[in-house]
Amino acid sequence: MEEKLTDQEQARVDKLPRYEELGVDPFGSRYDWKDRICDIRAKYADMDGEELAAKNVEVDVAGRLMAIRRMGKASFVNLKDEYASIQCWLGRDVVGEESYTIFKLADLGDIVGIRGTLMKSHTGELTIRVTGYTHITKCLKPLPEKFHGLTDTEDRYRKRYLDLIVNDDSRRIAIMRPAIIKEIRRYCDDLGFIEVETPTLSPIVGGAAARPFITHHNTLDKDFYLRIATELNLKKAMIGGIDRVYEIGRIFRNEGIDTRHNPEFTTIELYQAYGDLRSMQEWMENLLKMLAKKILGTDKVTWGEHELDFSVPFKSISMCDAILEATGIDFRKEMSFEEAAALAKERHVPLQESWNSVGYIIQAFFDEFVEKTLIQPTFVHTYPIEVSPLTKKTEDPRFVDRFEIFICGMEFANAYSELNNPFDQRERFEAQLAAKGRGDEEANDMDLSFLDAMRYGMPPAGGIGLGIDRLCMLLCNVDNIREVLLFPTMRDEK
């Protein structure tokens, strides 16, 4: 079925033959620009008109036309490139009759090249006096109206290409995210960590508690899972002798979509041989402090209504102590599952049928009463063994040497003193299989190849997984994970 065009779209399409009559390809070809508008502004914005005239600064830029003000024989346009925008003045007598005729076909959104010299307008605005105008690509659809813009949130995420054109903040975030990842990578490399790549497809579910996506390998005639973590393969690399190893990559979990969760997301997982949980705490705290300074230029980070102070040592507290502070209930004491379940019922904490020990209830109490209260960066450590199948035990065998870091009620990273006893590890896998048999869709499978690798000797190690999307939310000061994902997963359009 032929697409029905709006009147504005049809008017733009009708101009295409006119370009061809003038010998111009409406969809253009290579253009060798040499200047970024942000650099031009940084260097020349503070100069007055006389200085600019004396210097005769020539520039050559390319970008989109975001405003056009025609005045007969002369016109002003605003040109926007990747980083900034600038005003341009086109005089017919300066650019020539032919170029000005081509310019008169221009619409908002067209991509053009502009050469010229810098000047100041009568209002003191830095302006390019255009001496050369090149049409590059025709924009066939009108941009959103200037003052209302593209404001519908779903449309912004679904049409991110258009969002980037018209919303400067979306473009800022899109550029800021790779800068953050670049600094994370540099930080790790400077500490002697080696980045590796591990498979996205896995024959088993392992490395985390999560519901997987399933796909089918036609050649092998076997179902595979999109990885829910990179943990086990990275540990195999460490067993093989890469003592400090990490991977930045995509993870896939078949779970809900909301302001904090997307089914595919980016993490860094990192393992340090001969380290422990304290090694990871130092790595994490120093990383956050470094990023605040490098990316934001400050150690006072604003996120929504909260001001976070990264200049002071981060708070550290055990899960049971945090629950005790919030509820008065001390889960460090020995108690039966029935006693813990009675406390949960009394405090209206929902239970799941697959739970059969106190550790699950401790985690549920933390989720219900503590997590949302942790505003300043806080390490919560010493977790129940039931919710941490890959972690070394503490002196109390009911708990393991694990922390998560919380900021503004959101978990950012998960770290362990890694379990390296293959017999203990096998028991944990068996407990996970039992949980899966009771209906826990997030329980791990038995990874026999990892157990075999462990029997060759895995050094004691600290390990951490950090959610990069949430970290970008924090540093970009946005409250929705889809703001920091260039193309987030979306429900079907109604």
Protein backbone atom coordinates (compact mmCIF):
# COMPACT_ATOMS: atom_id res chain seq x y z
CA MET A 1 0.00 0.00 0.00
CA GLU A 2 1.38 3.42 -0.98
CA GLU A 3 2.29 5.67 1.93
CA LYS A 4 0.01 8.70 2.27
CA LEU A 5 2.04 11.88 2.66
CA THR A 6 1.06 14.96 4.59
CA ASP A 7 0.89 18.28 2.75
CA GLN A 8 4.28 19.31 4.20
CA GLU A 9 5.88 16.00 3.22
CA GLN A 10 4.46 16.26 -0.30
CA ALA A 11 5.81 19.80 -0.65
CA ARG A 12 9.30 18.55 0.22
CA VAL A 13 9.07 15.63 -2.20
CA ASP A 14 7.93 18.00 -4.94
CA LYS A 15 11.22 19.91 -4.61
CA LEU A 16 13.34 16.90 -5.54
CA PRO A 17 13.04 17.41 -9.35
CA ARG A 18 14.03 21.08 -8.89
CA TYR A 19 17.30 20.01 -7.25
CA GLU A 20 18.01 17.69 -10.16
CA GLU A 21 17.27 20.47 -12.66
CA LEU A 22 19.89 22.57 -10.88
CA GLY A 23 22.42 19.71 -11.12
CA VAL A 24 22.25 18.86 -7.41
CA ASP A 25 21.83 15.35 -6.03
CA PRO A 26 19.13 15.82 -3.34
CA PHE A 27 20.65 12.98 -1.31
CA GLY A 28 24.21 14.09 -1.80
CA SER A 29 27.64 12.59 -1.37
CA ARG A 30 30.85 13.08 0.58
CA TYR A 31 31.52 16.49 2.11
CA ASP A 32 34.93 17.24 3.64
CA TRP A 33 34.14 19.68 6.46
CA LYS A 34 36.99 20.63 8.79
CA ASP A 35 35.56 22.47 11.83
CA ARG A 36 33.38 21.51 14.80
CA ILE A 37 31.00 24.23 15.89
CA CYS A 38 31.81 23.69 19.58
CA ASP A 39 35.50 24.35 18.83
CA ILE A 40 34.63 27.48 16.88
CA ARG A 41 32.57 28.77 19.79
CA ALA A 42 35.20 27.93 22.38
CA LYS A 43 37.90 29.78 20.46
CA TYR A 44 36.07 32.80 19.04
CA ALA A 45 32.82 33.47 20.93
CA ASP A 46 34.45 36.06 23.23
CA MET A 47 36.09 38.04 20.42
CA ASP A 48 34.43 41.24 19.25
CA GLY A 49 33.54 41.98 15.65
CA GLU A 50 36.66 44.06 14.94
CA GLU A 51 38.98 41.28 16.15
CA LEU A 52 37.17 38.70 14.03
CA ALA A 53 37.31 40.95 10.96
CA ALA A 54 41.02 41.51 11.47
CA LYS A 55 41.73 37.80 11.82
CA ASN A 56 39.57 36.85 8.80
CA VAL A 57 38.80 33.45 10.35
CA GLU A 58 37.65 30.97 7.70
CA VAL A 59 35.54 27.97 8.78
CA ASP A 60 33.92 25.00 7.05
CA VAL A 61 31.12 23.16 8.88
CA ALA A 62 28.35 20.65 8.17
CA GLY A 63 25.09 19.89 9.96
CA ARG A 64 21.32 20.32 9.97
CA LEU A 65 19.33 23.48 9.37
CA MET A 66 17.36 24.03 12.58
CA ALA A 67 16.02 27.51 11.83
CA ILE A 68 15.57 29.56 8.64
CA ARG A 69 14.70 33.28 8.52
CA ARG A 70 14.42 34.47 4.92
CA MET A 71 14.58 38.20 4.15
CA GLY A 72 14.58 38.50 0.36
CA LYS A 73 18.16 38.86 -0.82
CA ALA A 74 19.63 37.65 2.50
CA SER A 75 18.74 35.06 5.11
CA PHE A 76 19.78 33.84 8.55
CA VAL A 77 19.91 30.13 9.39
CA ASN A 78 20.89 28.14 12.49
CA LEU A 79 23.14 25.18 11.71
CA LYS A 80 23.52 22.35 14.25
CA ASP A 81 26.25 19.72 14.14
CA GLU A 82 27.06 16.89 16.53
CA TYR A 83 27.96 19.11 19.48
CA ALA A 84 26.63 22.65 19.05
CA SER A 85 24.85 25.15 16.79
CA ILE A 86 25.76 28.47 15.18
CA GLN A 87 24.03 31.25 13.30
CA CYS A 88 24.88 31.74 9.62
CA TRP A 89 24.18 34.71 7.33
CA LEU A 90 23.63 34.09 3.62
CA GLY A 91 23.65 37.04 1.22
CA ARG A 92 22.73 36.39 -2.38
CA ASP A 93 25.43 38.76 -3.61
CA VAL A 94 28.04 36.93 -1.50
CA VAL A 95 27.25 33.25 -2.17
CA GLY A 96 26.15 33.87 -5.74
CA GLU A 97 22.85 33.55 -7.56
CA GLU A 98 23.22 29.81 -8.22
CA SER A 99 23.93 28.83 -4.61
CA TYR A 100 21.22 31.14 -3.30
CA THR A 101 18.69 29.57 -5.66
CA ILE A 102 19.61 26.15 -4.27
CA PHE A 103 19.35 27.51 -0.71
CA LYS A 104 15.82 28.80 -1.40
CA LEU A 105 14.73 25.14 -1.75
CA ALA A 106 15.97 24.39 1.79
CA ASP A 107 13.68 23.15 4.57
CA LEU A 108 14.23 22.67 8.28
CA GLY A 109 16.16 19.46 8.86
CA ASP A 110 18.11 19.55 5.60
CA ILE A 111 21.78 18.59 5.94
CA VAL A 112 24.10 21.16 4.38
CA GLY A 113 27.71 22.25 4.27
CA ILE A 114 28.68 25.87 4.92
CA ARG A 115 31.97 27.68 4.31
CA GLY A 116 32.56 31.24 5.35
CA THR A 117 34.22 33.74 7.65
CA LEU A 118 33.34 34.56 11.24
CA MET A 119 31.69 37.82 12.23
CA LYS A 120 29.46 39.24 14.92
CA SER A 121 25.85 40.13 14.07
CA HIS A 122 24.26 43.46 15.05
CA THR A 123 23.08 41.75 18.26
CA GLY A 124 26.59 40.51 19.05
CA GLU A 125 25.99 36.87 18.12
CA LEU A 126 28.84 34.82 16.67
CA THR A 127 27.87 34.24 13.03
CA ILE A 128 29.28 32.65 9.89
CA ARG A 129 29.21 34.99 6.88
CA VAL A 130 28.54 32.34 4.24
CA THR A 131 30.71 32.31 1.13
CA GLY A 132 29.93 28.74 0.08
CA TYR A 133 26.68 26.78 0.47
CA THR A 134 26.42 23.03 -0.36
CA HIS A 135 23.19 21.04 -0.22
CA ILE A 136 24.01 17.54 1.09
CA THR A 137 20.81 15.66 2.03
CA LYS A 138 17.10 16.54 1.80
CA CYS A 139 14.96 16.02 4.91
CA LEU A 140 11.61 14.71 3.64
CA LYS A 141 9.68 14.92 6.92
CA PRO A 142 9.10 18.09 8.96
CA LEU A 143 10.83 18.32 12.33
CA PRO A 144 8.66 18.67 15.46
CA GLU A 145 7.39 22.19 16.11
CA LYS A 146 10.03 24.32 17.84
CA PHE A 147 8.37 25.23 21.12
CA HIS A 148 6.60 21.96 21.90
CA GLY A 149 9.12 19.67 20.26
CA LEU A 150 9.14 15.90 20.64
CA THR A 151 7.74 15.67 24.17
CA ASP A 152 5.84 12.37 24.22
CA THR A 153 8.11 10.02 26.17
CA GLU A 154 7.20 6.89 24.22
CA ASP A 155 7.74 8.69 20.91
CA ARG A 156 11.12 9.93 22.12
CA TYR A 157 12.31 6.40 22.89
CA ARG A 158 10.69 4.80 19.85
CA LYS A 159 12.01 7.46 17.45
CA ARG A 160 15.36 8.06 19.10
CA TYR A 161 16.84 9.29 15.81
CA LEU A 162 14.35 12.17 15.85
CA ASP A 163 14.83 12.71 19.59
CA LEU A 164 18.57 13.17 19.01
CA ILE A 165 17.92 15.73 16.26
CA VAL A 166 15.62 17.99 18.28
CA ASN A 167 16.49 17.40 21.96
CA ASP A 168 19.90 18.66 23.02
CA ASP A 169 19.72 16.81 26.35
CA SER A 170 19.17 13.46 24.65
CA ARG A 171 22.17 14.11 22.44
CA ARG A 172 24.21 15.12 25.52
CA ILE A 173 23.39 11.81 27.23
CA ALA A 174 24.10 9.78 24.07
CA ILE A 175 27.57 11.34 23.86
CA MET A 176 28.20 11.20 27.62
CA ARG A 177 27.56 7.46 27.93
CA PRO A 178 30.50 6.31 25.75
CA ALA A 179 32.69 8.84 27.56
CA ILE A 180 31.79 7.14 30.86
CA ILE A 181 32.57 3.68 29.46
CA LYS A 182 35.86 4.97 28.06
CA GLU A 183 36.88 6.20 31.53
CA ILE A 184 35.87 2.87 33.14
CA ARG A 185 37.99 1.00 30.62
CA ARG A 186 40.96 3.31 31.17
CA TYR A 187 40.64 2.95 34.97
CA CYS A 188 40.69 -0.87 34.72
CA ASP A 189 43.53 -0.96 32.23
CA ASP A 190 45.65 1.35 34.38
CA LEU A 191 45.19 -1.08 37.29
CA GLY A 192 46.53 -3.95 35.17
CA PHE A 193 43.21 -5.63 34.34
CA ILE A 194 42.88 -7.30 30.93
CA GLU A 195 39.65 -7.03 28.93
CA VAL A 196 38.42 -10.23 27.25
CA GLU A 197 35.32 -11.33 25.33
CA THR A 198 33.15 -14.28 26.30
CA PRO A 199 30.25 -15.96 24.43
CA THR A 200 26.77 -14.44 24.36
CA LEU A 201 25.17 -17.85 23.78
CA SER A 202 25.39 -20.34 26.65
CA PRO A 203 24.27 -23.98 26.84
CA ILE A 204 23.31 -23.50 30.52
CA VAL A 205 21.90 -20.82 32.82
CA GLY A 206 24.63 -19.69 35.20
CA GLY A 207 26.45 -16.89 36.95
CA ALA A 208 23.40 -15.13 38.38
CA ALA A 209 19.83 -15.62 39.56
CA ALA A 210 17.70 -14.56 36.60
CA ARG A 211 15.16 -15.82 34.08
CA PRO A 212 16.86 -16.32 30.69
CA PHE A 213 15.96 -15.75 27.06
CA ILE A 214 16.02 -18.98 25.05
CA THR A 215 17.04 -19.40 21.42
CA HIS A 216 17.67 -22.43 19.19
CA HIS A 217 20.95 -23.36 17.49
CA ASN A 218 19.91 -24.99 14.21
CA THR A 219 23.22 -26.68 13.38
CA LEU A 220 23.56 -28.25 16.83
CA ASP A 221 19.78 -28.74 17.11
CA LYS A 222 19.97 -27.54 20.68
CA ASP A 223 18.49 -24.74 22.76
CA PHE A 224 20.87 -22.08 24.03
CA TYR A 225 20.42 -19.20 26.45
CA LEU A 226 21.41 -15.59 25.99
CA ARG A 227 23.86 -15.03 28.81
CA ILE A 228 22.52 -13.70 32.10
CA ALA A 229 26.07 -13.01 33.36
CA THR A 230 29.67 -13.26 32.19
CA GLU A 231 30.87 -14.59 35.55
CA LEU A 232 31.71 -18.23 35.00
CA ASN A 233 33.65 -17.76 31.77
CA LEU A 234 35.64 -14.89 33.28
CA LYS A 235 36.52 -17.12 36.24
CA LYS A 236 37.67 -19.81 33.82
CA ALA A 237 39.98 -17.20 32.26
CA MET A 238 41.30 -16.37 35.72
CA ILE A 239 41.89 -20.07 36.43
CA GLY A 240 43.81 -20.14 33.16
CA GLY A 241 46.20 -17.51 34.46
CA ILE A 242 44.72 -14.10 33.56
CA ASP A 243 44.86 -12.87 37.13
CA ARG A 244 43.06 -9.55 36.58
CA VAL A 245 40.30 -9.94 34.03
CA TYR A 246 37.17 -8.03 33.03
CA GLU A 247 34.52 -7.73 30.34
CA ILE A 248 32.21 -4.87 29.39
CA GLY A 249 29.27 -6.35 27.55
CA ARG A 250 25.59 -6.99 27.06
CA ILE A 251 23.58 -9.15 29.48
CA PHE A 252 20.08 -10.49 28.75
CA ARG A 253 17.45 -11.24 31.39
CA ASN A 254 13.87 -12.14 30.52
CA GLU A 255 12.35 -9.90 33.14
CA GLY A 256 10.23 -6.78 33.50
CA ILE A 257 10.56 -3.38 31.86
CA ASP A 258 10.37 -0.34 34.12
CA THR A 259 12.30 2.82 34.96
CA ARG A 260 15.18 0.79 36.43
CA HIS A 261 15.15 -2.38 34.30
CA ASN A 262 15.62 -3.21 30.64
CA PRO A 263 15.74 -6.84 29.40
CA GLU A 264 19.14 -6.24 27.80
CA PHE A 265 21.66 -4.12 29.63
CA THR A 266 25.37 -3.47 29.90
CA THR A 267 27.63 -4.51 32.76
CA ILE A 268 31.26 -4.68 33.63
CA GLU A 269 32.24 -7.88 35.44
CA LEU A 270 35.72 -7.97 36.90
CA TYR A 271 37.79 -10.51 38.85
CA GLN A 272 41.01 -9.98 40.79
CA ALA A 273 43.02 -13.05 41.72
CA TYR A 274 44.39 -13.05 45.27
CA GLY A 275 41.92 -10.35 46.25
CA ASP A 276 38.68 -10.43 48.23
CA LEU A 277 35.61 -8.35 49.00
CA ARG A 278 37.72 -5.54 50.43
CA SER A 279 39.64 -5.34 47.14
CA MET A 280 36.35 -4.89 45.29
CA GLN A 281 35.11 -2.28 47.76
CA GLU A 282 38.27 -0.23 47.16
CA TRP A 283 37.92 -0.69 43.36
CA MET A 284 34.27 0.40 43.42
CA GLU A 285 34.64 3.43 45.67
CA ASN A 286 37.66 4.74 43.78
CA LEU A 287 35.91 4.21 40.44
CA LEU A 288 32.88 6.28 41.46
CA LYS A 289 35.04 9.07 42.86
CA MET A 290 37.16 9.10 39.70
CA LEU A 291 34.13 9.20 37.37
CA ALA A 292 32.52 12.06 39.28
CA LYS A 293 35.72 14.10 38.91
CA LYS A 294 36.47 13.16 35.28
CA ILE A 295 32.92 13.30 33.88
CA LEU A 296 31.27 15.94 36.07
CA GLY A 297 34.26 17.82 37.41
CA THR A 298 33.03 17.59 41.01
CA ASP A 299 32.66 15.16 43.92
CA LYS A 300 29.22 16.57 44.80
CA VAL A 301 26.88 14.66 42.48
CA THR A 302 23.26 15.71 42.01
CA TRP A 303 20.73 13.01 41.20
CA GLY A 304 17.14 14.19 41.16
CA GLU A 305 16.39 15.84 44.50
CA HIS A 306 19.46 14.40 46.22
CA GLU A 307 22.98 15.78 46.50
CA LEU A 308 25.49 12.98 46.95
CA ASP A 309 28.86 13.55 48.56
CA PHE A 310 31.55 11.39 46.96
CA SER A 311 34.34 13.16 48.83
CA VAL A 312 33.83 11.21 52.07
CA PRO A 313 34.38 7.48 52.72
CA PHE A 314 31.31 5.44 51.74
CA LYS A 315 29.22 3.88 54.52
CA SER A 316 29.49 0.11 55.02
CA ILE A 317 26.98 -1.98 57.01
CA SER A 318 25.93 -5.64 57.20
CA MET A 319 22.50 -6.61 55.88
CA CYS A 320 21.34 -7.83 59.31
CA ASP A 321 22.54 -4.67 61.05
CA ALA A 322 20.71 -2.55 58.47
CA ILE A 323 17.50 -4.54 59.07
CA LEU A 324 17.98 -4.23 62.83
CA GLU A 325 18.29 -0.44 62.52
CA ALA A 326 15.15 -0.24 60.37
CA THR A 327 12.87 -2.77 62.13
CA GLY A 328 14.35 -3.74 65.49
CA ILE A 329 14.50 -7.40 64.35
CA ASP A 330 17.86 -9.13 64.78
CA PHE A 331 18.32 -11.85 62.14
CA ARG A 332 21.82 -12.59 63.40
CA LYS A 333 20.16 -14.71 66.06
CA GLU A 334 19.51 -18.37 65.31
CA MET A 335 15.87 -18.93 64.34
CA SER A 336 13.82 -21.50 62.51
CA PHE A 337 12.20 -20.91 59.15
CA GLU A 338 8.80 -20.99 60.87
CA GLU A 339 9.86 -18.26 63.32
CA ALA A 340 11.16 -16.08 60.50
CA ALA A 341 8.00 -16.69 58.45
CA ALA A 342 5.90 -15.60 61.44
CA LEU A 343 7.89 -12.35 61.64
CA ALA A 344 7.34 -11.82 57.92
CA LYS A 345 3.59 -12.34 58.31
CA GLU A 346 3.53 -9.93 61.25
CA ARG A 347 5.31 -7.24 59.20
CA HIS A 348 3.31 -7.97 56.00
CA VAL A 349 6.37 -9.16 54.06
CA PRO A 350 5.16 -11.50 51.26
CA LEU A 351 6.64 -15.02 51.10
CA GLN A 352 7.24 -17.23 48.07
CA GLU A 353 6.33 -20.92 47.99
CA SER A 354 9.84 -21.95 46.85
CA TRP A 355 11.46 -20.50 50.00
CA ASN A 356 12.44 -23.04 52.64
CA SER A 357 15.03 -21.26 54.81
CA VAL A 358 15.57 -18.06 56.77
CA GLY A 359 17.99 -16.44 54.31
CA TYR A 360 15.30 -15.73 51.73
CA ILE A 361 13.23 -13.95 54.39
CA ILE A 362 16.21 -11.85 55.49
CA GLN A 363 16.63 -10.67 51.89
CA ALA A 364 12.89 -9.92 51.68
CA PHE A 365 13.03 -7.81 54.86
CA PHE A 366 15.96 -5.85 53.43
CA ASP A 367 14.11 -5.25 50.17
CA GLU A 368 10.99 -4.11 52.02
CA PHE A 369 12.37 -1.91 54.79
CA VAL A 370 15.97 -0.90 54.03
CA GLU A 371 16.81 -0.58 50.34
CA LYS A 372 14.78 2.56 49.64
CA THR A 373 16.31 4.39 52.64
CA LEU A 374 19.92 4.16 51.40
CA ILE A 375 20.54 7.55 49.78
CA GLN A 376 24.27 8.27 50.16
CA PRO A 377 26.58 5.58 48.68
CA THR A 378 26.37 2.56 51.00
CA PHE A 379 28.02 -0.85 50.89
CA VAL A 380 25.65 -3.50 52.30
CA HIS A 381 27.63 -6.65 53.10
CA THR A 382 27.31 -10.14 54.65
CA TYR A 383 24.40 -11.70 52.73
CA PRO A 384 22.45 -14.91 53.41
CA ILE A 385 24.03 -17.91 51.71
CA GLU A 386 20.72 -18.89 50.04
CA VAL A 387 20.75 -15.81 47.78
CA SER A 388 24.49 -15.95 46.99
CA PRO A 389 25.38 -19.35 45.47
CA LEU A 390 28.87 -18.41 44.19
CA THR A 391 30.30 -16.69 47.28
CA LYS A 392 32.69 -17.62 50.09
CA LYS A 393 31.15 -18.18 53.51
CA THR A 394 31.90 -15.92 56.44
CA GLU A 395 32.81 -17.32 59.87
CA ASP A 396 29.06 -17.76 60.36
CA PRO A 397 28.17 -20.36 57.67
CA ARG A 398 24.67 -18.91 57.28
CA PHE A 399 26.20 -15.85 55.59
CA VAL A 400 28.61 -15.12 52.76
CA ASP A 401 31.22 -12.45 52.01
CA ARG A 402 29.24 -10.32 49.57
CA PHE A 403 28.28 -6.68 49.17
CA GLU A 404 26.00 -4.61 47.02
CA ILE A 405 26.37 -0.85 46.76
CA PHE A 406 23.21 1.26 46.95
CA ILE A 407 22.72 4.91 46.01
CA CYS A 408 19.37 6.69 46.28
CA GLY A 409 17.65 3.38 47.00
CA MET A 410 19.02 1.69 43.86
CA GLU A 411 21.51 -1.18 43.66
CA PHE A 412 24.47 -0.47 41.37
CA ALA A 413 26.97 -3.27 41.87
CA ASN A 414 27.27 -6.75 43.36
CA ALA A 415 30.59 -8.06 44.68
CA TYR A 416 31.90 -11.28 46.24
CA SER A 417 34.84 -12.89 47.85
CA GLU A 418 34.66 -15.61 45.25
CA LEU A 419 34.03 -19.22 46.14
CA ASN A 420 37.00 -21.34 45.01
CA ASN A 421 36.28 -24.68 46.73
CA PRO A 422 34.94 -27.06 44.03
CA PHE A 423 33.22 -29.31 46.58
CA ASP A 424 31.40 -26.39 48.20
CA GLN A 425 30.57 -25.03 44.75
CA ARG A 426 28.99 -28.32 43.70
CA GLU A 427 26.80 -28.29 46.81
CA ARG A 428 25.66 -24.75 45.98
CA PHE A 429 24.79 -25.80 42.41
CA GLU A 430 22.81 -28.75 43.78
CA ALA A 431 20.91 -26.40 46.09
CA GLN A 432 20.11 -24.23 43.07
CA LEU A 433 18.82 -27.26 41.15
CA ALA A 434 16.60 -28.12 44.11
CA ALA A 435 15.24 -24.57 44.12
CA LYS A 436 14.55 -24.87 40.39
CA GLY A 437 12.67 -28.08 41.11
CA ARG A 438 10.52 -26.15 43.59
CA GLY A 439 9.58 -23.69 40.86
CA ASP A 440 12.27 -20.99 41.14
CA GLU A 441 12.64 -19.81 37.53
CA GLU A 442 15.75 -17.77 38.39
CA ALA A 443 17.81 -20.64 39.85
CA ASN A 444 21.14 -21.67 38.24
CA ASP A 445 21.91 -24.87 36.36
CA MET A 446 24.78 -27.19 37.23
CA ASP A 447 27.83 -26.01 35.26
CA LEU A 448 30.01 -29.13 35.02
CA SER A 449 32.66 -27.45 32.87
CA PHE A 450 33.14 -24.75 35.51
CA LEU A 451 33.41 -27.37 38.24
CA ASP A 452 36.05 -29.17 36.16
CA ALA A 453 37.97 -25.90 35.75
CA MET A 454 37.83 -25.27 39.49
CA ARG A 455 39.48 -28.63 40.17
CA TYR A 456 42.63 -27.30 38.49
CA GLY A 457 42.81 -24.68 41.24
CA MET A 458 41.13 -21.30 41.30
CA PRO A 459 42.99 -18.63 43.27
CA PRO A 460 41.10 -16.77 45.99
CA ALA A 461 39.63 -13.70 44.31
CA GLY A 462 37.43 -10.68 44.59
CA GLY A 463 34.79 -10.24 41.91
CA ILE A 464 32.28 -7.53 41.03
CA GLY A 465 29.50 -6.86 38.55
CA LEU A 466 28.50 -3.22 37.95
CA GLY A 467 25.45 -2.07 35.99
CA ILE A 468 26.70 0.54 33.53
CA ASP A 469 23.21 1.71 32.52
CA ARG A 470 22.35 2.65 36.10
CA LEU A 471 25.74 4.28 36.55
CA CYS A 472 24.99 6.41 33.48
CA MET A 473 21.60 7.33 34.98
CA LEU A 474 23.40 8.63 38.05
CA LEU A 475 26.07 10.63 36.22
CA CYS A 476 23.63 12.00 33.61
CA ASN A 477 21.08 12.89 36.34
CA VAL A 478 18.09 11.07 34.84
CA ASP A 479 15.55 8.83 36.58
CA ASN A 480 14.61 6.46 33.75
CA ILE A 481 16.98 3.78 32.41
CA ARG A 482 15.61 4.25 28.91
CA GLU A 483 17.05 7.78 28.85
CA VAL A 484 20.58 6.32 28.81
CA LEU A 485 19.84 3.51 26.33
CA LEU A 486 20.16 4.73 22.77
CA PHE A 487 17.53 2.25 21.53
CA PRO A 488 15.67 0.75 24.51
CA THR A 489 13.38 -2.27 24.34
CA MET A 490 9.83 -1.02 23.68
CA ARG A 491 6.38 -2.53 23.79
CA ASP A 492 4.52 -2.66 20.47
CA GLU A 493 3.06 0.66 19.38
CA LYS A 494 -0.70 0.79 19.91
